PDB file of all heavy atoms in Angstrom:
ATOM      1  N   ASN A   1      62.728  87.051  97.490  1.00  0.00           N
ATOM      2  CA  ASN A   1      62.453  86.603  96.128  1.00  0.00           C
ATOM      3  C   ASN A   1      63.744  86.588  95.320  1.00  0.00           C
ATOM      4  O   ASN A   1      64.559  87.519  95.438  1.00  0.00           O
ATOM      5  CB  ASN A   1      61.435  87.522  95.447  1.00  0.00           C
ATOM      6  CG  ASN A   1      59.996  87.130  95.764  1.00  0.00           C
ATOM      7  OD1 ASN A   1      59.747  86.263  96.594  1.00  0.00           O
ATOM      8  ND2 ASN A   1      59.046  87.767  95.111  1.00  0.00           N
ATOM      9  N   TYR A   2      63.919  85.566  94.499  1.00  0.00           N
ATOM     10  CA  TYR A   2      65.170  85.441  93.753  1.00  0.00           C
ATOM     11  C   TYR A   2      65.011  84.486  92.587  1.00  0.00           C
ATOM     12  O   TYR A   2      64.035  83.726  92.499  1.00  0.00           O
ATOM     13  CB  TYR A   2      66.301  84.958  94.668  1.00  0.00           C
ATOM     14  CG  TYR A   2      66.036  83.635  95.338  1.00  0.00           C
ATOM     15  CD1 TYR A   2      66.360  82.431  94.726  1.00  0.00           C
ATOM     16  CD2 TYR A   2      65.464  83.590  96.604  1.00  0.00           C
ATOM     17  CE1 TYR A   2      66.134  81.218  95.348  1.00  0.00           C
ATOM     18  CE2 TYR A   2      65.213  82.380  97.245  1.00  0.00           C
ATOM     19  CZ  TYR A   2      65.552  81.200  96.610  1.00  0.00           C
ATOM     20  OH  TYR A   2      65.305  79.983  97.227  1.00  0.00           O
ATOM     21  N   MET A   3      66.009  84.540  91.706  1.00  0.00           N
ATOM     22  CA  MET A   3      66.121  83.606  90.586  1.00  0.00           C
ATOM     23  C   MET A   3      67.550  83.062  90.607  1.00  0.00           C
ATOM     24  O   MET A   3      68.514  83.831  90.667  1.00  0.00           O
ATOM     25  CB  MET A   3      65.855  84.326  89.261  1.00  0.00           C
ATOM     26  CG  MET A   3      64.517  85.026  89.210  1.00  0.00           C
ATOM     27  SD  MET A   3      64.400  86.248  87.871  1.00  0.00           S
ATOM     28  CE  MET A   3      64.426  85.166  86.434  1.00  0.00           C
ATOM     29  N   THR A   4      67.689  81.753  90.572  1.00  0.00           N
ATOM     30  CA  THR A   4      69.030  81.176  90.593  1.00  0.00           C
ATOM     31  C   THR A   4      69.051  79.862  89.818  1.00  0.00           C
ATOM     32  O   THR A   4      68.024  79.202  89.663  1.00  0.00           O
ATOM     33  CB  THR A   4      69.514  80.942  92.044  1.00  0.00           C
ATOM     34  OG1 THR A   4      70.903  80.597  92.047  1.00  0.00           O
ATOM     35  CG2 THR A   4      68.726  79.840  92.727  1.00  0.00           C
ATOM     36  N   ALA A   5      70.234  79.518  89.343  1.00  0.00           N
ATOM     37  CA  ALA A   5      70.441  78.227  88.677  1.00  0.00           C
ATOM     38  C   ALA A   5      71.781  77.666  89.125  1.00  0.00           C
ATOM     39  O   ALA A   5      72.784  78.390  89.166  1.00  0.00           O
ATOM     40  CB  ALA A   5      70.409  78.381  87.162  1.00  0.00           C
ATOM     41  N   HIS A   6      71.797  76.391  89.479  1.00  0.00           N
ATOM     42  CA  HIS A   6      73.033  75.675  89.774  1.00  0.00           C
ATOM     43  C   HIS A   6      73.381  74.859  88.537  1.00  0.00           C
ATOM     44  O   HIS A   6      72.655  73.923  88.178  1.00  0.00           O
ATOM     45  CB  HIS A   6      72.863  74.774  90.991  1.00  0.00           C
ATOM     46  CG  HIS A   6      72.689  75.525  92.270  1.00  0.00           C
ATOM     47  ND1 HIS A   6      72.543  74.910  93.500  1.00  0.00           N
ATOM     48  CD2 HIS A   6      72.654  76.864  92.524  1.00  0.00           C
ATOM     49  CE1 HIS A   6      72.410  75.824  94.438  1.00  0.00           C
ATOM     50  NE2 HIS A   6      72.477  77.008  93.878  1.00  0.00           N
ATOM     51  N   VAL A   7      74.460  75.237  87.900  1.00  0.00           N
ATOM     52  CA  VAL A   7      74.870  74.613  86.642  1.00  0.00           C
ATOM     53  C   VAL A   7      76.028  73.661  86.931  1.00  0.00           C
ATOM     54  O   VAL A   7      77.061  74.071  87.473  1.00  0.00           O
ATOM     55  CB  VAL A   7      75.303  75.682  85.621  1.00  0.00           C
ATOM     56  CG1 VAL A   7      75.724  75.019  84.313  1.00  0.00           C
ATOM     57  CG2 VAL A   7      74.176  76.688  85.388  1.00  0.00           C
ATOM     58  N   TYR A   8      75.865  72.391  86.560  1.00  0.00           N
ATOM     59  CA  TYR A   8      76.885  71.369  86.808  1.00  0.00           C
ATOM     60  C   TYR A   8      77.492  70.896  85.488  1.00  0.00           C
ATOM     61  O   TYR A   8      76.797  70.839  84.464  1.00  0.00           O
ATOM     62  CB  TYR A   8      76.266  70.159  87.522  1.00  0.00           C
ATOM     63  CG  TYR A   8      75.674  70.466  88.871  1.00  0.00           C
ATOM     64  CD1 TYR A   8      74.367  70.918  88.985  1.00  0.00           C
ATOM     65  CD2 TYR A   8      76.415  70.289  90.042  1.00  0.00           C
ATOM     66  CE1 TYR A   8      73.805  71.192  90.217  1.00  0.00           C
ATOM     67  CE2 TYR A   8      75.869  70.555  91.276  1.00  0.00           C
ATOM     68  CZ  TYR A   8      74.561  71.009  91.369  1.00  0.00           C
ATOM     69  OH  TYR A   8      74.009  71.288  92.598  1.00  0.00           O
ATOM     70  N   GLY A   9      78.773  70.546  85.533  1.00  0.00           N
ATOM     71  CA  GLY A   9      79.389  70.006  84.334  1.00  0.00           C
ATOM     72  C   GLY A   9      80.888  69.832  84.463  1.00  0.00           C
ATOM     73  O   GLY A   9      81.479  70.102  85.512  1.00  0.00           O
ATOM     74  N   GLN A  10      81.488  69.396  83.365  1.00  0.00           N
ATOM     75  CA  GLN A  10      82.934  69.176  83.314  1.00  0.00           C
ATOM     76  C   GLN A  10      83.648  70.499  83.078  1.00  0.00           C
ATOM     77  O   GLN A  10      83.281  71.268  82.186  1.00  0.00           O
ATOM     78  CB  GLN A  10      83.273  68.201  82.186  1.00  0.00           C
ATOM     79  CG  GLN A  10      84.776  67.955  82.018  1.00  0.00           C
ATOM     80  CD  GLN A  10      85.084  67.180  80.754  1.00  0.00           C
ATOM     81  OE1 GLN A  10      84.208  66.930  79.931  1.00  0.00           O
ATOM     82  NE2 GLN A  10      86.349  66.807  80.587  1.00  0.00           N
ATOM     83  N   LEU A  11      84.681  70.764  83.869  1.00  0.00           N
ATOM     84  CA  LEU A  11      85.495  71.961  83.674  1.00  0.00           C
ATOM     85  C   LEU A  11      86.602  71.662  82.664  1.00  0.00           C
ATOM     86  O   LEU A  11      87.386  70.727  82.832  1.00  0.00           O
ATOM     87  CB  LEU A  11      86.121  72.409  84.997  1.00  0.00           C
ATOM     88  CG  LEU A  11      87.019  73.651  84.905  1.00  0.00           C
ATOM     89  CD1 LEU A  11      86.199  74.879  84.511  1.00  0.00           C
ATOM     90  CD2 LEU A  11      87.755  73.895  86.221  1.00  0.00           C
ATOM     91  N   VAL A  12      86.638  72.469  81.604  1.00  0.00           N
ATOM     92  CA  VAL A  12      87.664  72.341  80.569  1.00  0.00           C
ATOM     93  C   VAL A  12      88.471  73.630  80.549  1.00  0.00           C
ATOM     94  O   VAL A  12      87.906  74.725  80.494  1.00  0.00           O
ATOM     95  CB  VAL A  12      87.035  72.095  79.182  1.00  0.00           C
ATOM     96  CG1 VAL A  12      88.115  71.995  78.120  1.00  0.00           C
ATOM     97  CG2 VAL A  12      86.172  70.826  79.205  1.00  0.00           C
ATOM     98  N   VAL A  13      89.796  73.511  80.603  1.00  0.00           N
ATOM     99  CA  VAL A  13      90.682  74.675  80.564  1.00  0.00           C
ATOM    100  C   VAL A  13      91.178  74.878  79.142  1.00  0.00           C
ATOM    101  O   VAL A  13      91.609  73.929  78.480  1.00  0.00           O
ATOM    102  CB  VAL A  13      91.881  74.488  81.524  1.00  0.00           C
ATOM    103  CG1 VAL A  13      92.858  75.658  81.386  1.00  0.00           C
ATOM    104  CG2 VAL A  13      91.396  74.366  82.962  1.00  0.00           C
ATOM    105  N   HIS A  14      91.109  76.127  78.664  1.00  0.00           N
ATOM    106  CA  HIS A  14      91.574  76.463  77.314  1.00  0.00           C
ATOM    107  C   HIS A  14      92.760  77.421  77.428  1.00  0.00           C
ATOM    108  O   HIS A  14      92.580  78.628  77.606  1.00  0.00           O
ATOM    109  CB  HIS A  14      90.444  77.135  76.511  1.00  0.00           C
ATOM    110  CG  HIS A  14      89.276  76.238  76.245  1.00  0.00           C
ATOM    111  ND1 HIS A  14      89.220  75.372  75.168  1.00  0.00           N
ATOM    112  CD2 HIS A  14      88.116  76.074  76.929  1.00  0.00           C
ATOM    113  CE1 HIS A  14      88.070  74.716  75.196  1.00  0.00           C
ATOM    114  NE2 HIS A  14      87.386  75.126  76.243  1.00  0.00           N
ATOM    115  N   ASP A  15      93.954  76.877  77.343  1.00  0.00           N
ATOM    116  CA  ASP A  15      95.161  77.713  77.381  1.00  0.00           C
ATOM    117  C   ASP A  15      95.567  78.006  75.946  1.00  0.00           C
ATOM    118  O   ASP A  15      96.610  77.572  75.453  1.00  0.00           O
ATOM    119  CB  ASP A  15      96.274  76.989  78.143  1.00  0.00           C
ATOM    120  CG  ASP A  15      97.392  77.949  78.545  1.00  0.00           C
ATOM    121  OD1 ASP A  15      97.278  79.153  78.240  1.00  0.00           O
ATOM    122  OD2 ASP A  15      98.363  77.493  79.169  1.00  0.00           O
ATOM    123  N   ASP A  16      94.699  78.747  75.261  1.00  0.00           N
ATOM    124  CA  ASP A  16      94.846  78.993  73.838  1.00  0.00           C
ATOM    125  C   ASP A  16      94.437  80.429  73.552  1.00  0.00           C
ATOM    126  O   ASP A  16      93.286  80.817  73.799  1.00  0.00           O
ATOM    127  CB  ASP A  16      93.959  78.009  73.061  1.00  0.00           C
ATOM    128  CG  ASP A  16      93.944  78.295  71.575  1.00  0.00           C
ATOM    129  OD1 ASP A  16      94.863  77.833  70.883  1.00  0.00           O
ATOM    130  OD2 ASP A  16      93.023  79.006  71.126  1.00  0.00           O
ATOM    131  N   ALA A  17      95.355  81.214  73.033  1.00  0.00           N
ATOM    132  CA  ALA A  17      95.115  82.656  72.866  1.00  0.00           C
ATOM    133  C   ALA A  17      93.937  82.943  71.948  1.00  0.00           C
ATOM    134  O   ALA A  17      93.151  83.858  72.201  1.00  0.00           O
ATOM    135  CB  ALA A  17      96.375  83.331  72.330  1.00  0.00           C
ATOM    136  N   ALA A  18      93.779  82.166  70.868  1.00  0.00           N
ATOM    137  CA  ALA A  18      92.682  82.412  69.936  1.00  0.00           C
ATOM    138  C   ALA A  18      91.331  82.157  70.594  1.00  0.00           C
ATOM    139  O   ALA A  18      90.369  82.920  70.408  1.00  0.00           O
ATOM    140  CB  ALA A  18      92.854  81.545  68.690  1.00  0.00           C
ATOM    141  N   TRP A  19      91.236  81.072  71.359  1.00  0.00           N
ATOM    142  CA  TRP A  19      89.986  80.753  72.056  1.00  0.00           C
ATOM    143  C   TRP A  19      89.657  81.847  73.062  1.00  0.00           C
ATOM    144  O   TRP A  19      88.515  82.311  73.147  1.00  0.00           O
ATOM    145  CB  TRP A  19      90.115  79.408  72.761  1.00  0.00           C
ATOM    146  CG  TRP A  19      88.817  78.852  73.308  1.00  0.00           C
ATOM    147  CD1 TRP A  19      88.002  77.944  72.713  1.00  0.00           C
ATOM    148  CD2 TRP A  19      88.192  79.194  74.558  1.00  0.00           C
ATOM    149  NE1 TRP A  19      86.908  77.690  73.509  1.00  0.00           N
ATOM    150  CE2 TRP A  19      86.997  78.446  74.644  1.00  0.00           C
ATOM    151  CE3 TRP A  19      88.514  80.057  75.602  1.00  0.00           C
ATOM    152  CZ2 TRP A  19      86.128  78.528  75.738  1.00  0.00           C
ATOM    153  CZ3 TRP A  19      87.644  80.160  76.694  1.00  0.00           C
ATOM    154  CH2 TRP A  19      86.477  79.406  76.758  1.00  0.00           C
ATOM    155  N   ILE A  20      90.671  82.261  73.827  1.00  0.00           N
ATOM    156  CA  ILE A  20      90.460  83.276  74.857  1.00  0.00           C
ATOM    157  C   ILE A  20      90.047  84.608  74.224  1.00  0.00           C
ATOM    158  O   ILE A  20      89.129  85.280  74.702  1.00  0.00           O
ATOM    159  CB  ILE A  20      91.733  83.446  75.711  1.00  0.00           C
ATOM    160  CG1 ILE A  20      92.068  82.139  76.436  1.00  0.00           C
ATOM    161  CG2 ILE A  20      91.556  84.585  76.718  1.00  0.00           C
ATOM    162  CD1 ILE A  20      93.458  82.123  77.048  1.00  0.00           C
ATOM    163  N   GLU A  21      90.707  84.985  73.146  1.00  0.00           N
ATOM    164  CA  GLU A  21      90.363  86.251  72.494  1.00  0.00           C
ATOM    165  C   GLU A  21      88.923  86.225  71.986  1.00  0.00           C
ATOM    166  O   GLU A  21      88.191  87.221  72.137  1.00  0.00           O
ATOM    167  CB  GLU A  21      91.315  86.539  71.335  1.00  0.00           C
ATOM    168  CG  GLU A  21      91.001  87.867  70.652  1.00  0.00           C
ATOM    169  CD  GLU A  21      91.989  88.224  69.554  1.00  0.00           C
ATOM    170  OE1 GLU A  21      93.014  87.519  69.407  1.00  0.00           O
ATOM    171  OE2 GLU A  21      91.739  89.220  68.849  1.00  0.00           O
ATOM    172  N   ALA A  22      88.504  85.119  71.402  1.00  0.00           N
ATOM    173  CA  ALA A  22      87.132  85.017  70.907  1.00  0.00           C
ATOM    174  C   ALA A  22      86.137  85.136  72.060  1.00  0.00           C
ATOM    175  O   ALA A  22      85.091  85.800  71.924  1.00  0.00           O
ATOM    176  CB  ALA A  22      86.935  83.700  70.167  1.00  0.00           C
ATOM    177  N   GLN A  23      86.460  84.530  73.190  1.00  0.00           N
ATOM    178  CA  GLN A  23      85.564  84.604  74.343  1.00  0.00           C
ATOM    179  C   GLN A  23      85.491  86.022  74.886  1.00  0.00           C
ATOM    180  O   GLN A  23      84.409  86.528  75.201  1.00  0.00           O
ATOM    181  CB  GLN A  23      86.042  83.638  75.439  1.00  0.00           C
ATOM    182  CG  GLN A  23      85.062  83.454  76.599  1.00  0.00           C
ATOM    183  CD  GLN A  23      85.169  84.525  77.659  1.00  0.00           C
ATOM    184  OE1 GLN A  23      86.264  85.050  77.919  1.00  0.00           O
ATOM    185  NE2 GLN A  23      84.052  84.859  78.291  1.00  0.00           N
ATOM    186  N   ILE A  24      86.636  86.690  74.972  1.00  0.00           N
ATOM    187  CA  ILE A  24      86.662  88.059  75.488  1.00  0.00           C
ATOM    188  C   ILE A  24      85.910  89.006  74.544  1.00  0.00           C
ATOM    189  O   ILE A  24      85.181  89.894  75.002  1.00  0.00           O
ATOM    190  CB  ILE A  24      88.114  88.515  75.706  1.00  0.00           C
ATOM    191  CG1 ILE A  24      88.718  87.742  76.888  1.00  0.00           C
ATOM    192  CG2 ILE A  24      88.192  90.025  75.944  1.00  0.00           C
ATOM    193  CD1 ILE A  24      90.189  88.011  77.123  1.00  0.00           C
ATOM    194  N   ARG A  25      86.085  88.828  73.251  1.00  0.00           N
ATOM    195  CA  ARG A  25      85.338  89.654  72.293  1.00  0.00           C
ATOM    196  C   ARG A  25      83.834  89.454  72.463  1.00  0.00           C
ATOM    197  O   ARG A  25      83.050  90.418  72.458  1.00  0.00           O
ATOM    198  CB  ARG A  25      85.765  89.321  70.864  1.00  0.00           C
ATOM    199  CG  ARG A  25      87.131  89.859  70.476  1.00  0.00           C
ATOM    200  CD  ARG A  25      87.493  89.469  69.047  1.00  0.00           C
ATOM    201  NE  ARG A  25      88.782  90.016  68.657  1.00  0.00           N
ATOM    202  CZ  ARG A  25      88.964  91.226  68.152  1.00  0.00           C
ATOM    203  NH1 ARG A  25      87.900  92.033  67.963  1.00  0.00           N
ATOM    204  NH2 ARG A  25      90.167  91.647  67.816  1.00  0.00           N
ATOM    205  N   ARG A  26      83.421  88.221  72.599  1.00  0.00           N
ATOM    206  CA  ARG A  26      81.995  87.932  72.762  1.00  0.00           C
ATOM    207  C   ARG A  26      81.457  88.558  74.049  1.00  0.00           C
ATOM    208  O   ARG A  26      80.380  89.160  74.056  1.00  0.00           O
ATOM    209  CB  ARG A  26      81.795  86.416  72.775  1.00  0.00           C
ATOM    210  CG  ARG A  26      80.369  85.969  72.963  1.00  0.00           C
ATOM    211  CD  ARG A  26      80.262  84.464  72.782  1.00  0.00           C
ATOM    212  NE  ARG A  26      78.924  83.998  73.079  1.00  0.00           N
ATOM    213  CZ  ARG A  26      78.491  82.770  72.860  1.00  0.00           C
ATOM    214  NH1 ARG A  26      79.316  81.868  72.320  1.00  0.00           N
ATOM    215  NH2 ARG A  26      77.259  82.404  73.154  1.00  0.00           N
ATOM    216  N   LEU A  27      82.215  88.430  75.122  1.00  0.00           N
ATOM    217  CA  LEU A  27      81.805  88.993  76.411  1.00  0.00           C
ATOM    218  C   LEU A  27      81.722  90.512  76.351  1.00  0.00           C
ATOM    219  O   LEU A  27      80.731  91.114  76.779  1.00  0.00           O
ATOM    220  CB  LEU A  27      82.800  88.564  77.492  1.00  0.00           C
ATOM    221  CG  LEU A  27      82.521  89.027  78.924  1.00  0.00           C
ATOM    222  CD1 LEU A  27      81.275  88.346  79.475  1.00  0.00           C
ATOM    223  CD2 LEU A  27      83.729  88.730  79.815  1.00  0.00           C
ATOM    224  N   ALA A  28      82.748  91.132  75.788  1.00  0.00           N
ATOM    225  CA  ALA A  28      82.776  92.593  75.697  1.00  0.00           C
ATOM    226  C   ALA A  28      81.658  93.107  74.796  1.00  0.00           C
ATOM    227  O   ALA A  28      80.996  94.107  75.131  1.00  0.00           O
ATOM    228  CB  ALA A  28      84.135  93.066  75.190  1.00  0.00           C
ATOM    229  N   ASP A  29      81.431  92.445  73.686  1.00  0.00           N
ATOM    230  CA  ASP A  29      80.396  92.896  72.758  1.00  0.00           C
ATOM    231  C   ASP A  29      79.020  92.889  73.420  1.00  0.00           C
ATOM    232  O   ASP A  29      78.214  93.803  73.203  1.00  0.00           O
ATOM    233  CB  ASP A  29      80.378  92.019  71.506  1.00  0.00           C
ATOM    234  CG  ASP A  29      81.576  92.266  70.598  1.00  0.00           C
ATOM    235  OD1 ASP A  29      82.287  93.272  70.812  1.00  0.00           O
ATOM    236  OD2 ASP A  29      81.808  91.445  69.690  1.00  0.00           O
ATOM    237  N   ARG A  30      78.736  91.869  74.220  1.00  0.00           N
ATOM    238  CA  ARG A  30      77.422  91.815  74.879  1.00  0.00           C
ATOM    239  C   ARG A  30      77.258  92.946  75.879  1.00  0.00           C
ATOM    240  O   ARG A  30      76.232  93.624  75.915  1.00  0.00           O
ATOM    241  CB  ARG A  30      77.215  90.467  75.587  1.00  0.00           C
ATOM    242  CG  ARG A  30      75.900  90.424  76.383  1.00  0.00           C
ATOM    243  CD  ARG A  30      75.487  89.020  76.735  1.00  0.00           C
ATOM    244  NE  ARG A  30      76.267  88.420  77.780  1.00  0.00           N
ATOM    245  CZ  ARG A  30      75.904  88.425  79.083  1.00  0.00           C
ATOM    246  NH1 ARG A  30      74.792  89.032  79.467  1.00  0.00           N
ATOM    247  NH2 ARG A  30      76.660  87.827  79.984  1.00  0.00           N
ATOM    248  N   HIS A  31      78.281  93.174  76.696  1.00  0.00           N
ATOM    249  CA  HIS A  31      78.151  94.177  77.753  1.00  0.00           C
ATOM    250  C   HIS A  31      78.344  95.604  77.247  1.00  0.00           C
ATOM    251  O   HIS A  31      77.889  96.552  77.889  1.00  0.00           O
ATOM    252  CB  HIS A  31      79.127  93.866  78.888  1.00  0.00           C
ATOM    253  CG  HIS A  31      78.747  92.649  79.671  1.00  0.00           C
ATOM    254  ND1 HIS A  31      77.716  92.658  80.592  1.00  0.00           N
ATOM    255  CD2 HIS A  31      79.223  91.386  79.654  1.00  0.00           C
ATOM    256  CE1 HIS A  31      77.593  91.444  81.126  1.00  0.00           C
ATOM    257  NE2 HIS A  31      78.493  90.656  80.565  1.00  0.00           N
ATOM    258  N   GLU A  32      78.989  95.765  76.117  1.00  0.00           N
ATOM    259  CA  GLU A  32      79.177  97.099  75.546  1.00  0.00           C
ATOM    260  C   GLU A  32      78.010  97.523  74.660  1.00  0.00           C
ATOM    261  O   GLU A  32      77.901  98.697  74.283  1.00  0.00           O
ATOM    262  CB  GLU A  32      80.469  97.137  74.712  1.00  0.00           C
ATOM    263  CG  GLU A  32      81.745  97.058  75.527  1.00  0.00           C
ATOM    264  CD  GLU A  32      82.070  98.353  76.258  1.00  0.00           C
ATOM    265  OE1 GLU A  32      81.613  99.423  75.805  1.00  0.00           O
ATOM    266  OE2 GLU A  32      82.786  98.279  77.276  1.00  0.00           O
ATOM    267  N   ALA A  33      77.126  96.583  74.333  1.00  0.00           N
ATOM    268  CA  ALA A  33      76.072  96.838  73.350  1.00  0.00           C
ATOM    269  C   ALA A  33      75.182  98.022  73.712  1.00  0.00           C
ATOM    270  O   ALA A  33      74.711  98.741  72.843  1.00  0.00           O
ATOM    271  CB  ALA A  33      75.221  95.588  73.159  1.00  0.00           C
ATOM    272  N   GLY A  34      74.945  98.270  74.984  1.00  0.00           N
ATOM    273  CA  GLY A  34      74.064  99.354  75.380  1.00  0.00           C
ATOM    274  C   GLY A  34      74.744 100.699  75.520  1.00  0.00           C
ATOM    275  O   GLY A  34      74.077 101.706  75.823  1.00  0.00           O
ATOM    276  N   HIS A  35      76.042 100.767  75.287  1.00  0.00           N
ATOM    277  CA  HIS A  35      76.773 102.013  75.450  1.00  0.00           C
ATOM    278  C   HIS A  35      76.672 102.875  74.187  1.00  0.00           C
ATOM    279  O   HIS A  35      76.617 102.359  73.066  1.00  0.00           O
ATOM    280  CB  HIS A  35      78.247 101.733  75.758  1.00  0.00           C
ATOM    281  CG  HIS A  35      78.466 101.164  77.121  1.00  0.00           C
ATOM    282  ND1 HIS A  35      79.248 101.769  78.076  1.00  0.00           N
ATOM    283  CD2 HIS A  35      77.990 100.027  77.705  1.00  0.00           C
ATOM    284  CE1 HIS A  35      79.258 101.044  79.188  1.00  0.00           C
ATOM    285  NE2 HIS A  35      78.498  99.977  78.975  1.00  0.00           N
ATOM    286  N   GLU A  36      76.692 104.165  74.386  1.00  0.00           N
ATOM    287  CA  GLU A  36      76.591 105.083  73.253  1.00  0.00           C
ATOM    288  C   GLU A  36      77.789 104.945  72.317  1.00  0.00           C
ATOM    289  O   GLU A  36      77.658 105.026  71.096  1.00  0.00           O
ATOM    290  CB  GLU A  36      76.482 106.523  73.760  1.00  0.00           C
ATOM    291  CG  GLU A  36      76.238 107.546  72.671  1.00  0.00           C
ATOM    292  CD  GLU A  36      75.991 108.937  73.216  1.00  0.00           C
ATOM    293  OE1 GLU A  36      75.578 109.050  74.386  1.00  0.00           O
ATOM    294  OE2 GLU A  36      76.234 109.910  72.468  1.00  0.00           O
ATOM    295  N   GLU A  37      78.973 104.747  72.906  1.00  0.00           N
ATOM    296  CA  GLU A  37      80.187 104.528  72.118  1.00  0.00           C
ATOM    297  C   GLU A  37      80.837 103.229  72.582  1.00  0.00           C
ATOM    298  O   GLU A  37      81.750 103.238  73.409  1.00  0.00           O
ATOM    299  CB  GLU A  37      81.161 105.713  72.266  1.00  0.00           C
ATOM    300  CG  GLU A  37      80.600 107.025  71.737  1.00  0.00           C
ATOM    301  CD  GLU A  37      81.610 108.163  71.858  1.00  0.00           C
ATOM    302  OE1 GLU A  37      82.761 107.893  72.268  1.00  0.00           O
ATOM    303  OE2 GLU A  37      81.236 109.299  71.546  1.00  0.00           O
ATOM    304  N   PRO A  38      80.378 102.093  72.078  1.00  0.00           N
ATOM    305  CA  PRO A  38      80.867 100.805  72.563  1.00  0.00           C
ATOM    306  C   PRO A  38      82.376 100.636  72.362  1.00  0.00           C
ATOM    307  O   PRO A  38      82.914 100.983  71.307  1.00  0.00           O
ATOM    308  CB  PRO A  38      80.090  99.789  71.724  1.00  0.00           C
ATOM    309  CG  PRO A  38      78.916 100.537  71.192  1.00  0.00           C
ATOM    310  CD  PRO A  38      79.378 101.947  71.011  1.00  0.00           C
TER     311      PRO A  38
END
């Protein structure tokens, strides 16, 4: 038993520090949300 999705699309590269920082903040905030001291 499993759940999967094959997602297709255009790959866009962002060599931009502001874009990358915003993405990393968003990623960290989601995964840190359940921690006692995020």
